[in-house]
PDB file of all heavy atoms in Angstrom:
ATOM      1  N   SER A   1       0.827  -1.277  -0.060  1.00  0.00           N
ATOM      2  CA  SER A   1      -0.032   0.020   0.083  1.00  0.00           C
ATOM      3  C   SER A   1       0.847   1.229   0.003  1.00  0.00           C
ATOM      4  O   SER A   1       0.337   2.346  -0.195  1.00  0.00           O
ATOM      5  CB  SER A   1      -0.838  -0.014   1.236  1.00  0.00           C
ATOM      6  OG  SER A   1      -0.213   0.079   2.504  1.00  0.00           O
ATOM      7  N   HIS A   2       2.243   1.082   0.249  1.00  0.00           N
ATOM      8  CA  HIS A   2       3.148   2.176   0.188  1.00  0.00           C
ATOM      9  C   HIS A   2       4.206   1.932  -0.863  1.00  0.00           C
ATOM     10  O   HIS A   2       5.136   1.285  -0.587  1.00  0.00           O
ATOM     11  CB  HIS A   2       3.875   2.441   1.509  1.00  0.00           C
ATOM     12  CG  HIS A   2       2.909   2.833   2.652  1.00  0.00           C
ATOM     13  ND1 HIS A   2       2.105   1.998   3.372  1.00  0.00           N
ATOM     14  CD2 HIS A   2       2.545   4.074   3.115  1.00  0.00           C
ATOM     15  CE1 HIS A   2       1.424   2.633   4.230  1.00  0.00           C
ATOM     16  NE2 HIS A   2       1.666   3.938   4.090  1.00  0.00           N
ATOM     17  N   LEU A   3       3.886   2.344  -2.153  1.00  0.00           N
ATOM     18  CA  LEU A   3       4.862   2.171  -3.227  1.00  0.00           C
ATOM     19  C   LEU A   3       5.029   3.550  -3.856  1.00  0.00           C
ATOM     20  O   LEU A   3       4.095   4.278  -4.239  1.00  0.00           O
ATOM     21  CB  LEU A   3       4.280   1.203  -4.238  1.00  0.00           C
ATOM     22  CG  LEU A   3       4.406  -0.339  -3.980  1.00  0.00           C
ATOM     23  CD1 LEU A   3       3.937  -1.151  -5.079  1.00  0.00           C
ATOM     24  CD2 LEU A   3       5.804  -0.767  -3.535  1.00  0.00           C
ATOM     25  N   SER A   4       6.289   3.818  -4.097  1.00  0.00           N
ATOM     26  CA  SER A   4       6.580   5.002  -4.853  1.00  0.00           C
ATOM     27  C   SER A   4       7.856   4.681  -5.741  1.00  0.00           C
ATOM     28  O   SER A   4       8.857   4.276  -5.282  1.00  0.00           O
ATOM     29  CB  SER A   4       6.917   6.235  -3.896  1.00  0.00           C
ATOM     30  OG  SER A   4       7.358   7.400  -4.609  1.00  0.00           O
ATOM     31  N   PHE A   5       7.593   4.897  -7.138  1.00  0.00           N
ATOM     32  CA  PHE A   5       8.867   4.728  -7.972  1.00  0.00           C
ATOM     33  C   PHE A   5       9.617   6.024  -8.126  1.00  0.00           C
ATOM     34  O   PHE A   5       9.203   7.001  -8.550  1.00  0.00           O
ATOM     35  CB  PHE A   5       8.218   4.311  -9.373  1.00  0.00           C
ATOM     36  CG  PHE A   5       7.509   3.031  -9.371  1.00  0.00           C
ATOM     37  CD1 PHE A   5       6.161   2.922  -9.202  1.00  0.00           C
ATOM     38  CD2 PHE A   5       8.286   1.824  -9.423  1.00  0.00           C
ATOM     39  CE1 PHE A   5       5.456   1.701  -9.118  1.00  0.00           C
ATOM     40  CE2 PHE A   5       7.594   0.567  -9.301  1.00  0.00           C
ATOM     41  CZ  PHE A   5       6.220   0.441  -9.190  1.00  0.00           C
ATOM     42  N   LEU A   6      10.827   5.823  -7.763  1.00  0.00           N
ATOM     43  CA  LEU A   6      11.786   6.925  -7.713  1.00  0.00           C
ATOM     44  C   LEU A   6      12.406   7.281  -9.113  1.00  0.00           C
ATOM     45  O   LEU A   6      12.424   6.427 -10.038  1.00  0.00           O
ATOM     46  CB  LEU A   6      12.867   6.714  -6.755  1.00  0.00           C
ATOM     47  CG  LEU A   6      12.465   6.410  -5.246  1.00  0.00           C
ATOM     48  CD1 LEU A   6      13.669   6.154  -4.417  1.00  0.00           C
ATOM     49  CD2 LEU A   6      11.675   7.520  -4.720  1.00  0.00           C
ATOM     50  N   SER A   7      12.888   8.444  -9.332  1.00  0.00           N
ATOM     51  CA  SER A   7      13.432   8.811 -10.619  1.00  0.00           C
ATOM     52  C   SER A   7      14.700   8.063 -10.780  1.00  0.00           C
ATOM     53  O   SER A   7      15.386   7.734  -9.809  1.00  0.00           O
ATOM     54  CB  SER A   7      13.734  10.391 -10.623  1.00  0.00           C
ATOM     55  OG  SER A   7      14.617  10.785  -9.461  1.00  0.00           O
ATOM     56  N   GLU A   8      15.194   7.993 -12.021  1.00  0.00           N
ATOM     57  CA  GLU A   8      16.363   7.323 -12.313  1.00  0.00           C
ATOM     58  C   GLU A   8      17.626   7.975 -11.767  1.00  0.00           C
ATOM     59  O   GLU A   8      17.663   9.201 -11.580  1.00  0.00           O
ATOM     60  CB  GLU A   8      16.485   7.230 -13.905  1.00  0.00           C
ATOM     61  CG  GLU A   8      15.506   6.414 -14.545  1.00  0.00           C
ATOM     62  CD  GLU A   8      15.651   6.392 -16.043  1.00  0.00           C
ATOM     63  OE1 GLU A   8      16.356   7.274 -16.637  1.00  0.00           O
ATOM     64  OE2 GLU A   8      15.329   5.463 -16.711  1.00  0.00           O
ATOM     65  N   GLU A   9      18.580   7.057 -11.371  1.00  0.00           N
ATOM     66  CA  GLU A   9      19.802   7.565 -10.844  1.00  0.00           C
ATOM     67  C   GLU A   9      20.911   7.379 -11.938  1.00  0.00           C
ATOM     68  O   GLU A   9      20.998   6.145 -12.492  1.00  0.00           O
ATOM     69  CB  GLU A   9      20.185   6.865  -9.527  1.00  0.00           C
ATOM     70  CG  GLU A   9      19.161   7.250  -8.427  1.00  0.00           C
ATOM     71  CD  GLU A   9      19.418   8.612  -7.842  1.00  0.00           C
ATOM     72  OE1 GLU A   9      20.443   9.224  -8.151  1.00  0.00           O
ATOM     73  OE2 GLU A   9      18.562   9.117  -7.077  1.00  0.00           O
ATOM     74  N   LEU A  10      21.758   8.287 -12.181  1.00  0.00           N
ATOM     75  CA  LEU A  10      22.852   8.209 -13.192  1.00  0.00           C
ATOM     76  C   LEU A  10      24.076   8.260 -12.501  1.00  0.00           C
ATOM     77  O   LEU A  10      24.479   9.252 -11.780  1.00  0.00           O
ATOM     78  CB  LEU A  10      22.693   9.319 -14.228  1.00  0.00           C
ATOM     79  CG  LEU A  10      23.734   9.184 -15.401  1.00  0.00           C
ATOM     80  CD1 LEU A  10      23.508   7.898 -16.212  1.00  0.00           C
ATOM     81  CD2 LEU A  10      23.597  10.428 -16.265  1.00  0.00           C
ATOM     82  N   PHE A  11      24.969   7.143 -12.637  1.00  0.00           N
ATOM     83  CA  PHE A  11      26.241   7.111 -11.961  1.00  0.00           C
ATOM     84  C   PHE A  11      27.332   7.121 -13.000  1.00  0.00           C
ATOM     85  O   PHE A  11      27.269   6.457 -13.953  1.00  0.00           O
ATOM     86  CB  PHE A  11      26.416   6.010 -10.946  1.00  0.00           C
ATOM     87  CG  PHE A  11      25.442   6.000  -9.869  1.00  0.00           C
ATOM     88  CD1 PHE A  11      24.649   4.838  -9.537  1.00  0.00           C
ATOM     89  CD2 PHE A  11      25.229   7.074  -9.095  1.00  0.00           C
ATOM     90  CE1 PHE A  11      23.788   4.772  -8.512  1.00  0.00           C
ATOM     91  CE2 PHE A  11      24.279   7.145  -8.091  1.00  0.00           C
ATOM     92  CZ  PHE A  11      23.600   5.963  -7.801  1.00  0.00           C
ATOM     93  N   THR A  12      28.461   7.716 -12.595  1.00  0.00           N
ATOM     94  CA  THR A  12      29.566   7.732 -13.553  1.00  0.00           C
ATOM     95  C   THR A  12      30.742   6.981 -12.951  1.00  0.00           C
ATOM     96  O   THR A  12      31.097   7.171 -11.759  1.00  0.00           O
ATOM     97  CB  THR A  12      30.104   9.211 -13.830  1.00  0.00           C
ATOM     98  OG1 THR A  12      29.094   9.902 -14.472  1.00  0.00           O
ATOM     99  CG2 THR A  12      31.335   9.098 -14.726  1.00  0.00           C
ATOM    100  N   ASP A  13      31.194   5.955 -13.635  1.00  0.00           N
ATOM    101  CA  ASP A  13      32.355   5.092 -13.193  1.00  0.00           C
ATOM    102  C   ASP A  13      33.595   5.944 -13.606  1.00  0.00           C
ATOM    103  O   ASP A  13      34.062   5.837 -14.841  1.00  0.00           O
ATOM    104  CB  ASP A  13      32.367   3.852 -13.838  1.00  0.00           C
ATOM    105  CG  ASP A  13      33.403   2.913 -13.318  1.00  0.00           C
ATOM    106  OD1 ASP A  13      34.510   3.404 -12.885  1.00  0.00           O
ATOM    107  OD2 ASP A  13      33.270   1.733 -13.324  1.00  0.00           O
ATOM    108  N   VAL A  14      34.174   6.654 -12.707  1.00  0.00           N
ATOM    109  CA  VAL A  14      35.319   7.477 -12.973  1.00  0.00           C
ATOM    110  C   VAL A  14      36.557   6.710 -13.603  1.00  0.00           C
ATOM    111  O   VAL A  14      37.204   7.062 -14.555  1.00  0.00           O
ATOM    112  CB  VAL A  14      35.797   8.237 -11.729  1.00  0.00           C
ATOM    113  CG1 VAL A  14      36.921   9.134 -12.055  1.00  0.00           C
ATOM    114  CG2 VAL A  14      34.673   9.067 -11.175  1.00  0.00           C
ATOM    115  N   THR A  15      36.788   5.517 -13.044  1.00  0.00           N
ATOM    116  CA  THR A  15      37.915   4.682 -13.478  1.00  0.00           C
ATOM    117  C   THR A  15      37.686   4.217 -15.008  1.00  0.00           C
ATOM    118  O   THR A  15      38.572   4.295 -15.685  1.00  0.00           O
ATOM    119  CB  THR A  15      38.037   3.519 -12.540  1.00  0.00           C
ATOM    120  OG1 THR A  15      38.180   3.893 -11.204  1.00  0.00           O
ATOM    121  CG2 THR A  15      39.254   2.721 -12.973  1.00  0.00           C
ATOM    122  N   ALA A  16      36.501   3.723 -15.232  1.00  0.00           N
ATOM    123  CA  ALA A  16      36.202   3.208 -16.475  1.00  0.00           C
ATOM    124  C   ALA A  16      35.789   4.218 -17.484  1.00  0.00           C
ATOM    125  O   ALA A  16      35.678   4.053 -18.762  1.00  0.00           O
ATOM    126  CB  ALA A  16      35.145   2.039 -16.448  1.00  0.00           C
ATOM    127  N   GLY A  17      35.430   5.377 -17.021  1.00  0.00           N
ATOM    128  CA  GLY A  17      34.975   6.418 -17.878  1.00  0.00           C
ATOM    129  C   GLY A  17      33.596   6.090 -18.508  1.00  0.00           C
ATOM    130  O   GLY A  17      33.279   6.673 -19.564  1.00  0.00           O
ATOM    131  N   GLU A  18      32.743   5.334 -17.870  1.00  0.00           N
ATOM    132  CA  GLU A  18      31.405   4.933 -18.361  1.00  0.00           C
ATOM    133  C   GLU A  18      30.273   5.377 -17.500  1.00  0.00           C
ATOM    134  O   GLU A  18      30.492   5.582 -16.217  1.00  0.00           O
ATOM    135  CB  GLU A  18      31.243   3.388 -18.486  1.00  0.00           C
ATOM    136  CG  GLU A  18      32.276   2.816 -19.510  1.00  0.00           C
ATOM    137  CD  GLU A  18      32.178   1.387 -19.615  1.00  0.00           C
ATOM    138  OE1 GLU A  18      31.593   0.755 -18.666  1.00  0.00           O
ATOM    139  OE2 GLU A  18      32.710   0.791 -20.523  1.00  0.00           O
ATOM    140  N   LYS A  19      29.082   5.694 -18.024  1.00  0.00           N
ATOM    141  CA  LYS A  19      27.991   6.197 -17.274  1.00  0.00           C
ATOM    142  C   LYS A  19      26.964   4.989 -17.158  1.00  0.00           C
ATOM    143  O   LYS A  19      26.686   4.370 -18.195  1.00  0.00           O
ATOM    144  CB  LYS A  19      27.321   7.372 -17.801  1.00  0.00           C
ATOM    145  CG  LYS A  19      28.232   8.596 -17.807  1.00  0.00           C
ATOM    146  CD  LYS A  19      27.591   9.797 -18.267  1.00  0.00           C
ATOM    147  CE  LYS A  19      28.326  11.052 -18.126  1.00  0.00           C
ATOM    148  NZ  LYS A  19      27.723  12.327 -18.593  1.00  0.00           N
ATOM    149  N   TYR A  20      26.460   4.781 -15.983  1.00  0.00           N
ATOM    150  CA  TYR A  20      25.441   3.645 -15.767  1.00  0.00           C
ATOM    151  C   TYR A  20      24.229   4.265 -15.153  1.00  0.00           C
ATOM    152  O   TYR A  20      24.323   5.122 -14.327  1.00  0.00           O
ATOM    153  CB  TYR A  20      25.897   2.643 -14.811  1.00  0.00           C
ATOM    154  CG  TYR A  20      27.208   1.851 -15.397  1.00  0.00           C
ATOM    155  CD1 TYR A  20      28.466   2.180 -14.923  1.00  0.00           C
ATOM    156  CD2 TYR A  20      26.999   0.887 -16.391  1.00  0.00           C
ATOM    157  CE1 TYR A  20      29.548   1.388 -15.500  1.00  0.00           C
ATOM    158  CE2 TYR A  20      28.052   0.149 -16.894  1.00  0.00           C
ATOM    159  CZ  TYR A  20      29.295   0.506 -16.395  1.00  0.00           C
ATOM    160  OH  TYR A  20      30.366  -0.218 -16.973  1.00  0.00           O
ATOM    161  N   ARG A  21      23.022   3.860 -15.628  1.00  0.00           N
ATOM    162  CA  ARG A  21      21.746   4.361 -15.144  1.00  0.00           C
ATOM    163  C   ARG A  21      21.129   3.157 -14.359  1.00  0.00           C
ATOM    164  O   ARG A  21      20.916   2.056 -14.888  1.00  0.00           O
ATOM    165  CB  ARG A  21      20.894   4.782 -16.292  1.00  0.00           C
ATOM    166  CG  ARG A  21      19.668   5.544 -15.722  1.00  0.00           C
ATOM    167  CD  ARG A  21      18.892   6.013 -17.020  1.00  0.00           C
ATOM    168  NE  ARG A  21      19.726   6.824 -17.971  1.00  0.00           N
ATOM    169  CZ  ARG A  21      19.849   8.164 -17.825  1.00  0.00           C
ATOM    170  NH1 ARG A  21      19.320   8.828 -16.773  1.00  0.00           N
ATOM    171  NH2 ARG A  21      20.606   8.807 -18.702  1.00  0.00           N
ATOM    172  N   VAL A  22      20.680   3.482 -13.084  1.00  0.00           N
ATOM    173  CA  VAL A  22      20.087   2.484 -12.403  1.00  0.00           C
ATOM    174  C   VAL A  22      18.633   2.135 -12.906  1.00  0.00           C
ATOM    175  O   VAL A  22      17.915   3.145 -13.353  1.00  0.00           O
ATOM    176  CB  VAL A  22      19.880   2.988 -10.882  1.00  0.00           C
ATOM    177  CG1 VAL A  22      18.913   2.071 -10.018  1.00  0.00           C
ATOM    178  CG2 VAL A  22      21.173   2.972 -10.114  1.00  0.00           C
ATOM    179  N   ASP A  23      18.215   0.828 -13.063  1.00  0.00           N
ATOM    180  CA  ASP A  23      17.129   0.564 -13.793  1.00  0.00           C
ATOM    181  C   ASP A  23      15.763   0.948 -13.072  1.00  0.00           C
ATOM    182  O   ASP A  23      14.876   1.597 -13.579  1.00  0.00           O
ATOM    183  CB  ASP A  23      17.101  -0.900 -14.113  1.00  0.00           C
ATOM    184  CG  ASP A  23      18.102  -1.280 -15.251  1.00  0.00           C
ATOM    185  OD1 ASP A  23      18.448  -0.417 -16.027  1.00  0.00           O
ATOM    186  OD2 ASP A  23      18.425  -2.418 -15.387  1.00  0.00           O
ATOM    187  N   LEU A  24      15.579   0.448 -11.862  1.00  0.00           N
ATOM    188  CA  LEU A  24      14.382   0.676 -11.153  1.00  0.00           C
ATOM    189  C   LEU A  24      14.531   0.782  -9.705  1.00  0.00           C
ATOM    190  O   LEU A  24      15.262  -0.062  -8.964  1.00  0.00           O
ATOM    191  CB  LEU A  24      13.431  -0.572 -11.497  1.00  0.00           C
ATOM    192  CG  LEU A  24      12.018  -0.345 -10.856  1.00  0.00           C
ATOM    193  CD1 LEU A  24      11.184   0.728 -11.543  1.00  0.00           C
ATOM    194  CD2 LEU A  24      11.299  -1.798 -11.092  1.00  0.00           C
ATOM    195  N   LEU A  25      13.987   1.836  -9.117  1.00  0.00           N
ATOM    196  CA  LEU A  25      14.142   2.117  -7.638  1.00  0.00           C
ATOM    197  C   LEU A  25      12.686   2.221  -7.149  1.00  0.00           C
ATOM    198  O   LEU A  25      11.900   3.093  -7.626  1.00  0.00           O
ATOM    199  CB  LEU A  25      14.877   3.417  -7.347  1.00  0.00           C
ATOM    200  CG  LEU A  25      16.407   3.345  -7.555  1.00  0.00           C
ATOM    201  CD1 LEU A  25      16.974   4.676  -7.269  1.00  0.00           C
ATOM    202  CD2 LEU A  25      17.107   2.305  -6.787  1.00  0.00           C
ATOM    203  N   VAL A  26      12.332   1.498  -6.126  1.00  0.00           N
ATOM    204  CA  VAL A  26      11.049   1.593  -5.504  1.00  0.00           C
ATOM    205  C   VAL A  26      11.141   1.827  -4.059  1.00  0.00           C
ATOM    206  O   VAL A  26      11.819   1.050  -3.288  1.00  0.00           O
ATOM    207  CB  VAL A  26      10.286   0.222  -5.638  1.00  0.00           C
ATOM    208  CG1 VAL A  26       8.912   0.293  -5.219  1.00  0.00           C
ATOM    209  CG2 VAL A  26      10.360  -0.208  -7.219  1.00  0.00           C
ATOM    210  N   GLU A  27      10.529   2.838  -3.688  1.00  0.00           N
ATOM    211  CA  GLU A  27      10.477   3.126  -2.198  1.00  0.00           C
ATOM    212  C   GLU A  27       9.172   2.548  -1.589  1.00  0.00           C
ATOM    213  O   GLU A  27       8.124   2.770  -2.089  1.00  0.00           O
ATOM    214  CB  GLU A  27      10.376   4.766  -1.984  1.00  0.00           C
ATOM    215  CG  GLU A  27      10.550   5.291  -0.513  1.00  0.00           C
ATOM    216  CD  GLU A  27      10.657   6.694  -0.517  1.00  0.00           C
ATOM    217  OE1 GLU A  27       9.572   7.319  -0.810  1.00  0.00           O
ATOM    218  OE2 GLU A  27      11.734   7.272  -0.211  1.00  0.00           O
ATOM    219  N   THR A  28       9.341   1.883  -0.486  1.00  0.00           N
ATOM    220  CA  THR A  28       8.241   1.098   0.127  1.00  0.00           C
ATOM    221  C   THR A  28       8.442   0.963   1.611  1.00  0.00           C
ATOM    222  O   THR A  28       9.354   1.541   2.103  1.00  0.00           O
ATOM    223  CB  THR A  28       7.960  -0.267  -0.531  1.00  0.00           C
ATOM    224  OG1 THR A  28       6.793  -0.874  -0.028  1.00  0.00           O
ATOM    225  CG2 THR A  28       9.118  -1.096  -0.419  1.00  0.00           C
ATOM    226  N   LYS A  29       7.574   0.192   2.294  1.00  0.00           N
ATOM    227  CA  LYS A  29       7.703  -0.060   3.687  1.00  0.00           C
ATOM    228  C   LYS A  29       7.649  -1.578   3.923  1.00  0.00           C
ATOM    229  O   LYS A  29       7.114  -2.350   3.099  1.00  0.00           O
ATOM    230  CB  LYS A  29       6.688   0.569   4.438  1.00  0.00           C
ATOM    231  CG  LYS A  29       6.713   2.179   4.530  1.00  0.00           C
ATOM    232  CD  LYS A  29       5.593   2.670   5.413  1.00  0.00           C
ATOM    233  CE  LYS A  29       5.748   4.212   5.551  1.00  0.00           C
ATOM    234  NZ  LYS A  29       4.642   4.706   6.356  1.00  0.00           N
ATOM    235  N   LEU A  30       8.186  -1.998   5.035  1.00  0.00           N
ATOM    236  CA  LEU A  30       7.881  -3.388   5.557  1.00  0.00           C
ATOM    237  C   LEU A  30       6.635  -3.411   6.459  1.00  0.00           C
ATOM    238  O   LEU A  30       6.371  -2.402   7.150  1.00  0.00           O
ATOM    239  CB  LEU A  30       9.096  -3.875   6.399  1.00  0.00           C
ATOM    240  CG  LEU A  30      10.459  -4.037   5.567  1.00  0.00           C
ATOM    241  CD1 LEU A  30      11.468  -4.568   6.529  1.00  0.00           C
ATOM    242  CD2 LEU A  30      10.313  -4.898   4.404  1.00  0.00           C
ATOM    243  N   LYS A  31       5.865  -4.390   6.397  1.00  0.00           N
ATOM    244  CA  LYS A  31       4.646  -4.551   7.228  1.00  0.00           C
ATOM    245  C   LYS A  31       5.053  -4.314   8.720  1.00  0.00           C
ATOM    246  O   LYS A  31       5.985  -4.852   9.265  1.00  0.00           O
ATOM    247  CB  LYS A  31       4.028  -5.868   7.037  1.00  0.00           C
ATOM    248  CG  LYS A  31       3.403  -5.977   5.674  1.00  0.00           C
ATOM    249  CD  LYS A  31       2.850  -7.340   5.445  1.00  0.00           C
ATOM    250  CE  LYS A  31       2.239  -7.574   4.041  1.00  0.00           C
ATOM    251  NZ  LYS A  31       1.776  -8.888   3.864  1.00  0.00           N
ATOM    252  N   GLY A  32       4.255  -3.526   9.391  1.00  0.00           N
ATOM    253  CA  GLY A  32       4.418  -3.201  10.801  1.00  0.00           C
ATOM    254  C   GLY A  32       5.586  -2.371  11.241  1.00  0.00           C
ATOM    255  O   GLY A  32       5.864  -2.225  12.333  1.00  0.00           O
ATOM    256  N   GLU A  33       6.227  -1.693  10.135  1.00  0.00           N
ATOM    257  CA  GLU A  33       7.407  -0.755  10.406  1.00  0.00           C
ATOM    258  C   GLU A  33       7.111   0.581   9.799  1.00  0.00           C
ATOM    259  O   GLU A  33       6.385   0.639   8.711  1.00  0.00           O
ATOM    260  CB  GLU A  33       8.664  -1.304   9.825  1.00  0.00           C
ATOM    261  CG  GLU A  33       9.165  -2.586  10.565  1.00  0.00           C
ATOM    262  CD  GLU A  33      10.579  -3.007  10.058  1.00  0.00           C
ATOM    263  OE1 GLU A  33      11.213  -2.187   9.424  1.00  0.00           O
ATOM    264  OE2 GLU A  33      10.922  -4.061  10.336  1.00  0.00           O
ATOM    265  N   ASP A  34       7.594   1.685  10.312  1.00  0.00           N
ATOM    266  CA  ASP A  34       7.337   2.958   9.874  1.00  0.00           C
ATOM    267  C   ASP A  34       8.296   3.409   8.909  1.00  0.00           C
ATOM    268  O   ASP A  34       8.085   4.231   8.040  1.00  0.00           O
ATOM    269  CB  ASP A  34       7.163   4.001  11.056  1.00  0.00           C
ATOM    270  CG  ASP A  34       5.967   3.746  11.949  1.00  0.00           C
ATOM    271  OD1 ASP A  34       5.000   3.285  11.344  1.00  0.00           O
ATOM    272  OD2 ASP A  34       6.117   4.029  13.136  1.00  0.00           O
ATOM    273  N   GLY A  35       9.560   2.952   9.075  1.00  0.00           N
ATOM    274  CA  GLY A  35      10.670   3.461   8.277  1.00  0.00           C
ATOM    275  C   GLY A  35      10.574   3.018   6.846  1.00  0.00           C
ATOM    276  O   GLY A  35      10.015   1.961   6.454  1.00  0.00           O
ATOM    277  N   LEU A  36      11.130   3.841   5.812  1.00  0.00           N
ATOM    278  CA  LEU A  36      11.059   3.516   4.525  1.00  0.00           C
ATOM    279  C   LEU A  36      12.246   2.554   4.047  1.00  0.00           C
ATOM    280  O   LEU A  36      13.255   2.654   4.730  1.00  0.00           O
ATOM    281  CB  LEU A  36      11.072   4.761   3.560  1.00  0.00           C
ATOM    282  CG  LEU A  36       9.882   5.718   3.803  1.00  0.00           C
ATOM    283  CD1 LEU A  36      10.152   6.946   2.984  1.00  0.00           C
ATOM    284  CD2 LEU A  36       8.573   4.908   3.140  1.00  0.00           C
ATOM    285  N   ILE A  37      12.025   1.768   3.112  1.00  0.00           N
ATOM    286  CA  ILE A  37      13.104   0.961   2.431  1.00  0.00           C
ATOM    287  C   ILE A  37      13.103   1.246   1.023  1.00  0.00           C
ATOM    288  O   ILE A  37      12.068   1.779   0.436  1.00  0.00           O
ATOM    289  CB  ILE A  37      13.056  -0.532   2.726  1.00  0.00           C
ATOM    290  CG1 ILE A  37      11.807  -1.046   2.041  1.00  0.00           C
ATOM    291  CG2 ILE A  37      12.992  -0.765   4.236  1.00  0.00           C
ATOM    292  CD1 ILE A  37      11.852  -2.624   1.954  1.00  0.00           C
ATOM    293  N   ILE A  38      14.133   0.917   0.330  1.00  0.00           N
ATOM    294  CA  ILE A  38      14.270   0.988  -1.084  1.00  0.00           C
ATOM    295  C   ILE A  38      14.631  -0.371  -1.729  1.00  0.00           C
ATOM    296  O   ILE A  38      15.575  -0.987  -1.324  1.00  0.00           O
ATOM    297  CB  ILE A  38      15.304   2.047  -1.612  1.00  0.00           C
ATOM    298  CG1 ILE A  38      14.753   3.414  -1.183  1.00  0.00           C
ATOM    299  CG2 ILE A  38      15.636   2.047  -3.052  1.00  0.00           C
ATOM    300  CD1 ILE A  38      15.821   4.584  -1.503  1.00  0.00           C
ATOM    301  N   VAL A  39      13.746  -0.768  -2.703  1.00  0.00           N
ATOM    302  CA  VAL A  39      14.072  -1.944  -3.588  1.00  0.00           C
ATOM    303  C   VAL A  39      14.729  -1.569  -4.823  1.00  0.00           C
ATOM    304  O   VAL A  39      14.092  -0.789  -5.540  1.00  0.00           O
ATOM    305  CB  VAL A  39      12.812  -2.732  -3.727  1.00  0.00           C
ATOM    306  CG1 VAL A  39      13.223  -4.066  -4.624  1.00  0.00           C
ATOM    307  CG2 VAL A  39      12.130  -3.233  -2.487  1.00  0.00           C
ATOM    308  N   HIS A  40      15.888  -2.012  -5.050  1.00  0.00           N
ATOM    309  CA  HIS A  40      16.596  -1.613  -6.318  1.00  0.00           C
ATOM    310  C   HIS A  40      16.620  -2.906  -7.281  1.00  0.00           C
ATOM    311  O   HIS A  40      17.299  -3.952  -6.852  1.00  0.00           O
ATOM    312  CB  HIS A  40      18.047  -1.212  -6.113  1.00  0.00           C
ATOM    313  CG  HIS A  40      18.964  -1.116  -7.273  1.00  0.00           C
ATOM    314  ND1 HIS A  40      20.276  -1.465  -7.120  1.00  0.00           N
ATOM    315  CD2 HIS A  40      18.767  -0.869  -8.629  1.00  0.00           C
ATOM    316  CE1 HIS A  40      20.899  -1.379  -8.374  1.00  0.00           C
ATOM    317  NE2 HIS A  40      19.907  -1.050  -9.147  1.00  0.00           N
ATOM    318  N   VAL A  41      16.073  -2.830  -8.403  1.00  0.00           N
ATOM    319  CA  VAL A  41      16.012  -3.889  -9.325  1.00  0.00           C
ATOM    320  C   VAL A  41      16.834  -3.579 -10.509  1.00  0.00           C
ATOM    321  O   VAL A  41      16.572  -2.541 -11.157  1.00  0.00           O
ATOM    322  CB  VAL A  41      14.598  -4.270  -9.790  1.00  0.00           C
ATOM    323  CG1 VAL A  41      14.628  -5.469 -10.764  1.00  0.00           C
ATOM    324  CG2 VAL A  41      13.695  -4.539  -8.581  1.00  0.00           C
TER     325      VAL A  41
END
């Protein structure tokens, strides 16, 4: 019941000189807990 899809994150690998974009980030909660967690797929 608590799902939020976060915007894409773009990271640069300084050593390799390549850019990588994180595919999917989901902000949600665990049952019975108030704090948020993030699922990265």
